[in-house]
Amino acid sequence: MKTVIEQGGLAPGGLNFDSKVRRESTDTEDMFIAHIGAMDTFARGLKIAAHVIEDNILPKLVKERYSSYETGIGHEIEHGKATFDECEEFILKNGEPKSHSGKQEKFELL
């Protein structure tokens, strides 16, 4: 739904929206209820996406995640100015960098 907002709506393309009879759900009313549930889910997603965009949540997380590329050797790497030799020299001098979580689960949950 975030993509829908950022692209200015559904056109062109739209969403894949369907209903299938499952388990003990075998009649037309079940399909009708399934469609309502799916529409509610899209509506909730749209509201959450609007909140994520308005509060600038993802850009803040991305900036934090890649902050090591704003200064020093990270900045040089980001801008294509660091050679492999310079990277090797940096690692030999400073050791392996600390491992930090990329917070993938947090990104996906949002």
C-alpha atoms as a PDB file:
ATOM      1  CA  MET A   1       0.000   0.000   0.000  1.00  0.00           C
ATOM      2  CA  LYS A   2       2.998   2.284   0.530  1.00  0.00           C
ATOM      3  CA  THR A   3       3.853   1.811  -3.128  1.00  0.00           C
ATOM      4  CA  VAL A   4       0.266   2.590  -4.125  1.00  0.00           C
ATOM      5  CA  ILE A   5       0.462   5.907  -2.251  1.00  0.00           C
ATOM      6  CA  GLU A   6       3.904   6.769  -3.605  1.00  0.00           C
ATOM      7  CA  GLN A   7       2.764   6.060  -7.178  1.00  0.00           C
ATOM      8  CA  GLY A   8      -0.303   8.244  -6.783  1.00  0.00           C
ATOM      9  CA  GLY A   9      -2.899   5.464  -6.852  1.00  0.00           C
ATOM     10  CA  LEU A  10      -3.652   2.126  -8.430  1.00  0.00           C
ATOM     11  CA  ALA A  11      -3.412   3.029 -12.092  1.00  0.00           C
ATOM     12  CA  PRO A  12      -1.968   1.610 -14.179  1.00  0.00           C
ATOM     13  CA  GLY A  13      -2.134  -1.938 -12.990  1.00  0.00           C
ATOM     14  CA  GLY A  14      -4.263  -2.204  -9.889  1.00  0.00           C
ATOM     15  CA  LEU A  15      -4.156  -4.960  -7.289  1.00  0.00           C
ATOM     16  CA  ASN A  16      -4.649  -8.707  -7.554  1.00  0.00           C
ATOM     17  CA  PHE A  17      -7.789  -9.206  -5.507  1.00  0.00           C
ATOM     18  CA  ASP A  18      -9.694 -12.461  -5.440  1.00  0.00           C
ATOM     19  CA  SER A  19     -11.475 -14.900  -3.182  1.00  0.00           C
ATOM     20  CA  LYS A  20     -11.288 -18.656  -3.080  1.00  0.00           C
ATOM     21  CA  VAL A  21     -13.486 -21.181  -1.356  1.00  0.00           C
ATOM     22  CA  ARG A  22     -11.433 -22.820   1.399  1.00  0.00           C
ATOM     23  CA  ARG A  23     -11.899 -25.401   4.098  1.00  0.00           C
ATOM     24  CA  GLU A  24     -15.523 -25.394   5.194  1.00  0.00           C
ATOM     25  CA  SER A  25     -16.272 -22.081   3.441  1.00  0.00           C
ATOM     26  CA  THR A  26     -18.403 -23.344   0.595  1.00  0.00           C
ATOM     27  CA  ASP A  27     -21.137 -20.865  -0.184  1.00  0.00           C
ATOM     28  CA  THR A  28     -21.537 -17.417  -1.738  1.00  0.00           C
ATOM     29  CA  GLU A  29     -21.873 -15.715   1.646  1.00  0.00           C
ATOM     30  CA  ASP A  30     -18.446 -17.067   2.620  1.00  0.00           C
ATOM     31  CA  MET A  31     -16.932 -15.542  -0.527  1.00  0.00           C
ATOM     32  CA  PHE A  32     -18.684 -12.252   0.192  1.00  0.00           C
ATOM     33  CA  ILE A  33     -17.317 -12.202   3.748  1.00  0.00           C
ATOM     34  CA  ALA A  34     -13.829 -13.084   2.457  1.00  0.00           C
ATOM     35  CA  HIS A  35     -13.945 -10.097   0.079  1.00  0.00           C
ATOM     36  CA  ILE A  36     -15.004  -7.784   2.908  1.00  0.00           C
ATOM     37  CA  GLY A  37     -12.163  -9.102   5.068  1.00  0.00           C
ATOM     38  CA  ALA A  38      -9.664  -8.569   2.257  1.00  0.00           C
ATOM     39  CA  MET A  39     -10.938  -5.022   1.631  1.00  0.00           C
ATOM     40  CA  ASP A  40     -10.591  -4.285   5.348  1.00  0.00           C
ATOM     41  CA  THR A  41      -7.034  -5.602   5.260  1.00  0.00           C
ATOM     42  CA  PHE A  42      -6.164  -3.353   2.310  1.00  0.00           C
ATOM     43  CA  ALA A  43      -7.771  -0.389   4.110  1.00  0.00           C
ATOM     44  CA  ARG A  44      -5.751  -1.062   7.276  1.00  0.00           C
ATOM     45  CA  GLY A  45      -2.605  -1.393   5.176  1.00  0.00           C
ATOM     46  CA  LEU A  46      -3.359   1.900   3.455  1.00  0.00           C
ATOM     47  CA  LYS A  47      -3.791   3.692   6.788  1.00  0.00           C
ATOM     48  CA  ILE A  48      -0.561   2.203   8.139  1.00  0.00           C
ATOM     49  CA  ALA A  49       1.321   3.068   4.938  1.00  0.00           C
ATOM     50  CA  ALA A  50       0.105   6.666   5.170  1.00  0.00           C
ATOM     51  CA  HIS A  51       1.336   6.806   8.774  1.00  0.00           C
ATOM     52  CA  VAL A  52       4.745   5.355   7.817  1.00  0.00           C
ATOM     53  CA  ILE A  53       5.094   7.946   5.032  1.00  0.00           C
ATOM     54  CA  GLU A  54       3.821  10.917   7.076  1.00  0.00           C
ATOM     55  CA  ASP A  55       6.086  10.141  10.033  1.00  0.00           C
ATOM     56  CA  ASN A  56       9.094   9.550   7.760  1.00  0.00           C
ATOM     57  CA  ILE A  57       9.711   6.243   9.538  1.00  0.00           C
ATOM     58  CA  LEU A  58      11.496   4.251   6.832  1.00  0.00           C
ATOM     59  CA  PRO A  59      13.875   7.006   5.674  1.00  0.00           C
ATOM     60  CA  LYS A  60      14.961   7.507   9.303  1.00  0.00           C
ATOM     61  CA  LEU A  61      15.650   3.781   9.683  1.00  0.00           C
ATOM     62  CA  VAL A  62      17.507   3.596   6.364  1.00  0.00           C
ATOM     63  CA  LYS A  63      19.640   6.620   7.305  1.00  0.00           C
ATOM     64  CA  GLU A  64      20.495   4.993  10.633  1.00  0.00           C
ATOM     65  CA  ARG A  65      21.182   1.625   9.004  1.00  0.00           C
ATOM     66  CA  TYR A  66      23.684   3.069   6.528  1.00  0.00           C
ATOM     67  CA  SER A  67      25.134   5.853   8.720  1.00  0.00           C
ATOM     68  CA  SER A  68      28.633   4.359   8.500  1.00  0.00           C
ATOM     69  CA  TYR A  69      28.681   5.403   4.829  1.00  0.00           C
ATOM     70  CA  GLU A  70      28.377   9.103   5.678  1.00  0.00           C
ATOM     71  CA  THR A  71      31.943   9.633   6.948  1.00  0.00           C
ATOM     72  CA  GLY A  72      35.410   8.132   6.772  1.00  0.00           C
ATOM     73  CA  ILE A  73      36.150   5.054   4.700  1.00  0.00           C
ATOM     74  CA  GLY A  74      32.420   4.349   4.347  1.00  0.00           C
ATOM     75  CA  HIS A  75      31.940   7.699   2.613  1.00  0.00           C
ATOM     76  CA  GLU A  76      34.852   6.961   0.300  1.00  0.00           C
ATOM     77  CA  ILE A  77      33.404   3.528  -0.560  1.00  0.00           C
ATOM     78  CA  GLU A  78      29.922   4.964  -1.135  1.00  0.00           C
ATOM     79  CA  HIS A  79      31.263   7.514  -3.600  1.00  0.00           C
ATOM     80  CA  GLY A  80      33.503   5.049  -5.447  1.00  0.00           C
ATOM     81  CA  LYS A  81      36.710   6.709  -4.258  1.00  0.00           C
ATOM     82  CA  ALA A  82      38.146   3.903  -2.090  1.00  0.00           C
ATOM     83  CA  THR A  83      40.360   1.331  -3.766  1.00  0.00           C
ATOM     84  CA  PHE A  84      40.599  -2.304  -2.703  1.00  0.00           C
ATOM     85  CA  ASP A  85      44.083  -1.576  -1.390  1.00  0.00           C
ATOM     86  CA  GLU A  86      42.746   1.279   0.769  1.00  0.00           C
ATOM     87  CA  CYS A  87      39.964  -0.962   2.073  1.00  0.00           C
ATOM     88  CA  GLU A  88      42.489  -3.684   2.900  1.00  0.00           C
ATOM     89  CA  GLU A  89      44.745  -1.155   4.627  1.00  0.00           C
ATOM     90  CA  PHE A  90      41.794   0.125   6.671  1.00  0.00           C
ATOM     91  CA  ILE A  91      40.860  -3.395   7.805  1.00  0.00           C
ATOM     92  CA  LEU A  92      44.464  -4.326   8.638  1.00  0.00           C
ATOM     93  CA  LYS A  93      44.783  -1.149  10.713  1.00  0.00           C
ATOM     94  CA  ASN A  94      41.347  -1.220  12.399  1.00  0.00           C
ATOM     95  CA  GLY A  95      40.415  -4.895  12.392  1.00  0.00           C
ATOM     96  CA  GLU A  96      37.148  -6.428  11.325  1.00  0.00           C
ATOM     97  CA  PRO A  97      34.179  -4.133  11.870  1.00  0.00           C
ATOM     98  CA  LYS A  98      31.685  -4.986  14.584  1.00  0.00           C
ATOM     99  CA  SER A  99      28.715  -6.917  13.327  1.00  0.00           C
ATOM    100  CA  HIS A 100      25.492  -4.898  13.489  1.00  0.00           C
ATOM    101  CA  SER A 101      22.012  -6.119  12.816  1.00  0.00           C
ATOM    102  CA  GLY A 102      20.457  -4.850   9.605  1.00  0.00           C
ATOM    103  CA  LYS A 103      17.079  -4.882  11.419  1.00  0.00           C
ATOM    104  CA  GLN A 104      15.533  -6.747   8.498  1.00  0.00           C
ATOM    105  CA  GLU A 105      12.644  -8.060  10.596  1.00  0.00           C
ATOM    106  CA  LYS A 106      11.804  -4.535  11.727  1.00  0.00           C
ATOM    107  CA  PHE A 107      11.855  -3.255   8.124  1.00  0.00           C
ATOM    108  CA  GLU A 108       9.625  -6.081   6.916  1.00  0.00           C
ATOM    109  CA  LEU A 109       7.193  -5.690   9.804  1.00  0.00           C
ATOM    110  CA  LEU A 110       6.759  -2.010   8.975  1.00  0.00           C
END
